[in-house]
């Protein structure tokens, strides 16, 4: 259905010549990624139809989810760009905040890694294995994290180690988010500051949701809320990054024009 919506929309705008100059390739990219997502979806499902497996392979689930976020990221960026005239964007880029854009890019990549780790947690129900916080089974490091052979499989299949990685990455992401937010507070553009304030606020919510998910044994409604939080945070990070790349013009009084 998603593919059909894209195809009808794309062909309709193409025939009526309503696609802006330079956007045909970008919109085709979305369609191609959607097709790839369908293929990866089958690849993921097929892993649950082999032998005695009753669930899909966690790394395939992570790949499927990761591509979904990539597609969402492109859609979000394109939406932000199409909301403003091309001439305005060219003018805005002259005032880009390069350092903040770079930090926003790093934050985006870090958040993407954390999302993939979250998919690994969900794929093996690791969220139900250790339900104490801030420790894990009474210690900082989960017990016996490297029992699976070969060793590399533990990073994908051992519940304790996978959850530990997700926790540690979450802490580091939060710290980096604070550093980025403090840098954004120095921006002379109030719209840019507002965008990064929104990222910081959602990151706080997401951290709390993550802790609650652990303490309540990853109950479905809480875990799904945590996943939705990741979607919101992802879009807000991209929105803030876009704002640093194309800051809105300011009036003489310093407010957004």
Protein backbone atom coordinates (compact mmCIF):
# COMPACT_ATOMS: atom_id res chain seq x y z
CA UNK A 1 0.00 0.00 0.00
CA UNK A 2 2.84 2.39 0.83
CA UNK A 3 4.45 1.61 -2.53
CA UNK A 4 1.16 2.23 -4.29
CA UNK A 5 0.69 5.58 -2.56
CA UNK A 6 4.20 6.63 -3.58
CA UNK A 7 3.77 5.44 -7.19
CA UNK A 8 0.40 7.13 -7.71
CA UNK A 9 1.61 10.34 -6.13
CA UNK A 10 4.88 10.41 -8.04
CA UNK A 11 3.33 9.60 -11.41
CA UNK A 12 0.51 12.07 -10.82
CA UNK A 13 2.88 14.94 -10.07
CA UNK A 14 5.20 13.88 -12.91
CA UNK A 15 2.42 13.87 -15.51
CA UNK A 16 1.04 17.22 -14.34
CA UNK A 17 4.60 18.63 -14.20
CA UNK A 18 4.25 19.73 -10.61
CA UNK A 19 7.55 18.28 -9.41
CA UNK A 20 9.95 21.15 -8.62
CA UNK A 21 13.17 21.38 -10.59
CA UNK A 22 15.80 19.02 -9.24
CA UNK A 23 13.38 16.93 -7.19
CA UNK A 24 12.60 14.08 -9.58
CA UNK A 25 15.71 12.11 -8.62
CA UNK A 26 15.12 12.67 -4.92
CA UNK A 27 11.57 11.38 -5.12
CA UNK A 28 12.71 8.39 -7.17
CA UNK A 29 15.22 7.67 -4.41
CA UNK A 30 12.36 7.36 -1.92
CA UNK A 31 10.62 4.87 -4.19
CA UNK A 32 13.80 2.83 -4.63
CA UNK A 33 14.42 2.75 -0.89
CA UNK A 34 10.81 1.67 -0.37
CA UNK A 35 11.31 -1.22 -2.78
CA UNK A 36 14.53 -2.20 -1.02
CA UNK A 37 12.66 -2.08 2.29
CA UNK A 38 10.14 -4.58 0.95
CA UNK A 39 12.93 -6.96 -0.07
CA UNK A 40 14.63 -6.63 3.31
CA UNK A 41 11.26 -7.19 4.97
CA UNK A 42 10.96 -10.56 3.26
CA UNK A 43 14.59 -11.38 4.11
CA UNK A 44 13.76 -10.63 7.74
CA UNK A 45 10.55 -12.70 7.80
CA UNK A 46 12.26 -15.62 6.04
CA UNK A 47 14.63 -15.98 9.01
CA UNK A 48 11.64 -16.94 11.16
CA UNK A 49 10.53 -19.66 8.75
CA UNK A 50 13.69 -21.77 8.92
CA UNK A 51 14.12 -24.79 11.19
CA UNK A 52 12.70 -24.36 14.68
CA UNK A 53 12.87 -20.56 14.76
CA UNK A 54 9.69 -18.88 15.93
CA UNK A 55 10.94 -15.29 15.63
CA UNK A 56 13.02 -13.35 13.13
CA UNK A 57 16.79 -12.89 13.41
CA UNK A 58 17.55 -9.80 15.49
CA UNK A 59 20.19 -8.43 13.12
CA UNK A 60 17.75 -8.68 10.22
CA UNK A 61 15.13 -6.88 12.29
CA UNK A 62 17.70 -4.16 13.03
CA UNK A 63 18.49 -3.82 9.32
CA UNK A 64 14.80 -3.52 8.46
CA UNK A 65 14.17 -0.94 11.18
CA UNK A 66 17.35 0.96 10.31
CA UNK A 67 16.29 1.39 6.70
CA UNK A 68 12.84 2.53 7.86
CA UNK A 69 14.49 5.32 9.83
CA UNK A 70 16.69 6.22 6.86
CA UNK A 71 13.58 6.57 4.70
CA UNK A 72 11.85 8.60 7.41
CA UNK A 73 14.93 10.82 7.66
CA UNK A 74 14.91 11.57 3.94
CA UNK A 75 11.17 12.30 4.02
CA UNK A 76 11.58 14.64 6.97
CA UNK A 77 14.49 16.52 5.39
CA UNK A 78 12.66 16.83 2.07
CA UNK A 79 9.54 18.07 3.84
CA UNK A 80 11.48 20.78 5.68
CA UNK A 81 13.15 21.83 2.41
CA UNK A 82 9.91 21.94 0.40
CA UNK A 83 8.23 24.14 3.02
CA UNK A 84 10.54 27.02 2.03
CA UNK A 85 11.26 28.51 -1.41
CA UNK A 86 14.54 27.48 -3.04
CA UNK A 87 15.65 31.11 -3.18
CA UNK A 88 15.11 31.48 0.56
CA UNK A 89 17.12 28.34 1.27
CA UNK A 90 20.04 29.56 -0.84
CA UNK A 91 20.00 32.83 1.07
CA UNK A 92 19.70 31.06 4.43
CA UNK A 93 22.67 28.79 3.74
CA UNK A 94 24.96 31.81 3.74
CA UNK A 95 24.28 32.10 7.46
CA UNK A 96 24.67 28.38 8.24
CA UNK A 97 26.02 27.50 11.64
CA UNK A 98 28.70 25.06 10.54
CA UNK A 99 29.82 23.88 13.98
CA UNK A 100 26.27 23.30 15.19
CA UNK A 101 25.35 21.55 11.93
CA UNK A 102 28.35 19.25 12.38
CA UNK A 103 27.36 18.43 15.96
CA UNK A 104 23.77 17.87 14.83
CA UNK A 105 25.05 15.44 12.21
CA UNK A 106 27.03 13.57 14.85
CA UNK A 107 23.98 13.46 17.10
CA UNK A 108 21.89 12.09 14.23
CA UNK A 109 24.40 9.30 13.54
CA UNK A 110 24.71 8.46 17.23
CA UNK A 111 20.93 8.32 17.59
CA UNK A 112 20.76 6.01 14.57
CA UNK A 113 23.25 3.63 16.22
CA UNK A 114 21.16 3.66 19.39
CA UNK A 115 18.03 2.87 17.37
CA UNK A 116 19.78 -0.16 15.83
CA UNK A 117 20.82 -1.35 19.28
CA UNK A 118 17.21 -0.92 20.42
CA UNK A 119 16.12 -3.15 17.55
CA UNK A 120 18.56 -5.83 18.72
CA UNK A 121 17.09 -5.57 22.21
CA UNK A 122 13.57 -5.95 20.86
CA UNK A 123 14.56 -8.76 18.52
CA UNK A 124 15.65 -11.08 21.35
CA UNK A 125 13.38 -9.70 24.10
CA UNK A 126 16.48 -8.54 25.98
CA UNK A 127 14.40 -5.88 27.73
CA UNK A 128 12.76 -8.59 29.82
CA UNK A 129 16.01 -10.21 30.94
CA UNK A 130 17.40 -7.64 33.39
CA UNK A 131 14.76 -5.48 35.01
CA UNK A 132 16.77 -3.61 37.64
CA UNK A 133 18.26 -0.16 37.14
CA UNK A 134 20.84 1.37 37.24
CA UNK A 135 22.55 -1.99 37.85
CA UNK A 136 22.06 -5.26 35.96
CA UNK A 137 21.45 -8.30 38.17
CA UNK A 138 23.02 -6.33 41.00
CA UNK A 139 26.19 -5.42 39.11
CA UNK A 140 27.40 -2.91 36.58
CA UNK A 141 28.12 -5.58 33.96
CA UNK A 142 25.69 -8.46 33.25
CA UNK A 143 26.86 -11.90 34.40
CA UNK A 144 28.34 -14.35 31.86
CA UNK A 145 28.01 -12.12 28.78
CA UNK A 146 30.24 -14.21 26.49
CA UNK A 147 28.85 -17.75 26.82
CA UNK A 148 27.76 -18.07 23.18
CA UNK A 149 30.22 -19.41 20.61
CA UNK A 150 31.65 -17.90 18.50
CA UNK A 151 32.21 -14.80 20.64
CA UNK A 152 30.94 -12.27 18.10
CA UNK A 153 27.43 -13.75 18.31
CA UNK A 154 27.13 -12.48 21.89
CA UNK A 155 26.96 -8.91 20.62
CA UNK A 156 23.79 -9.82 18.74
CA UNK A 157 22.24 -12.68 20.71
CA UNK A 158 23.20 -12.48 24.39
CA UNK A 159 20.35 -10.63 26.18
CA UNK A 160 22.55 -9.24 28.93
CA UNK A 161 25.28 -7.92 26.65
CA UNK A 162 22.83 -6.50 24.11
CA UNK A 163 20.87 -4.66 26.78
CA UNK A 164 24.14 -3.45 28.35
CA UNK A 165 25.25 -1.97 25.02
CA UNK A 166 21.88 -0.27 24.57
CA UNK A 167 22.10 1.23 28.06
CA UNK A 168 25.67 2.48 27.69
CA UNK A 169 25.00 3.93 24.25
CA UNK A 170 21.94 5.68 25.69
CA UNK A 171 24.01 7.30 28.45
CA UNK A 172 26.66 8.46 25.98
CA UNK A 173 24.03 9.74 23.55
CA UNK A 174 22.41 11.72 26.36
CA UNK A 175 25.75 13.27 27.35
CA UNK A 176 26.52 14.19 23.76
CA UNK A 177 23.00 15.60 23.44
CA UNK A 178 23.65 17.88 26.42
CA UNK A 179 26.94 19.05 24.91
CA UNK A 180 25.20 19.81 21.60
CA UNK A 181 22.36 21.57 23.39
CA UNK A 182 24.79 23.78 25.35
CA UNK A 183 26.48 24.71 22.10
CA UNK A 184 23.10 25.49 20.53
CA UNK A 185 22.24 27.84 23.40
CA UNK A 186 25.04 30.11 22.17
CA UNK A 187 23.36 30.50 18.78
CA UNK A 188 22.21 34.03 17.99
CA UNK A 189 19.21 32.58 16.15
CA UNK A 190 16.21 31.98 18.46
CA UNK A 191 14.61 29.56 15.98
CA UNK A 192 17.73 27.39 15.99
CA UNK A 193 17.86 27.46 19.79
CA UNK A 194 14.20 26.45 19.95
CA UNK A 195 14.80 23.46 17.67
CA UNK A 196 17.63 22.13 19.80
CA UNK A 197 15.62 22.83 22.97
CA UNK A 198 12.95 20.54 21.54
CA UNK A 199 15.57 17.84 20.92
CA UNK A 200 16.84 18.10 24.50
CA UNK A 201 13.32 17.96 25.94
CA UNK A 202 12.43 14.87 23.91
CA UNK A 203 15.74 13.24 24.79
CA UNK A 204 14.90 13.64 28.48
CA UNK A 205 11.50 12.05 27.87
CA UNK A 206 13.10 9.21 25.94
CA UNK A 207 15.62 8.48 28.70
CA UNK A 208 12.81 8.29 31.26
CA UNK A 209 10.78 6.04 28.95
CA UNK A 210 13.78 3.75 28.53
CA UNK A 211 14.24 3.39 32.28
CA UNK A 212 10.51 2.80 32.83
CA UNK A 213 10.54 0.18 30.07
CA UNK A 214 13.26 -1.73 31.92
CA UNK A 215 11.64 -1.43 35.35
CA UNK A 216 8.26 -2.62 34.06
CA UNK A 217 9.68 -5.62 32.20
CA UNK A 218 9.18 -4.11 28.74
CA UNK A 219 5.39 -4.30 28.85
CA UNK A 220 4.07 -3.87 25.32
CA UNK A 221 2.36 -0.50 25.75
CA UNK A 222 5.42 1.00 27.45
CA UNK A 223 7.88 -0.50 24.96
CA UNK A 224 5.82 0.77 22.01
CA UNK A 225 5.71 4.25 23.58
CA UNK A 226 9.50 4.09 23.89
CA UNK A 227 9.75 3.15 20.20
CA UNK A 228 7.43 6.01 19.21
CA UNK A 229 9.65 8.30 21.29
CA UNK A 230 12.59 7.23 19.13
CA UNK A 231 10.67 8.23 16.01
CA UNK A 232 9.83 11.67 17.44
CA UNK A 233 13.39 12.24 18.66
CA UNK A 234 14.82 11.21 15.27
CA UNK A 235 12.65 13.71 13.40
CA UNK A 236 13.40 16.49 15.91
CA UNK A 237 17.15 15.91 15.54
CA UNK A 238 16.86 16.13 11.76
CA UNK A 239 14.71 19.25 12.13
CA UNK A 240 17.31 20.90 14.37
CA UNK A 241 20.12 19.91 12.00
CA UNK A 242 18.15 21.43 9.10
CA UNK A 243 17.72 24.61 11.12
CA UNK A 244 21.47 24.88 11.63
CA UNK A 245 22.08 24.36 7.91
CA UNK A 246 19.35 26.77 6.81
CA UNK A 247 18.72 29.19 9.71
CA UNK A 248 15.60 31.30 9.40
CA UNK A 249 16.13 34.99 8.71
CA UNK A 250 15.96 37.27 11.73
CA UNK A 251 14.26 40.62 12.01
CA UNK A 252 16.03 43.67 13.39
CA UNK A 253 14.79 42.79 16.87
CA UNK A 254 16.29 39.31 16.60
CA UNK A 255 13.09 37.32 16.21
CA UNK A 256 12.46 34.84 13.39
CA UNK A 257 11.18 36.55 10.28
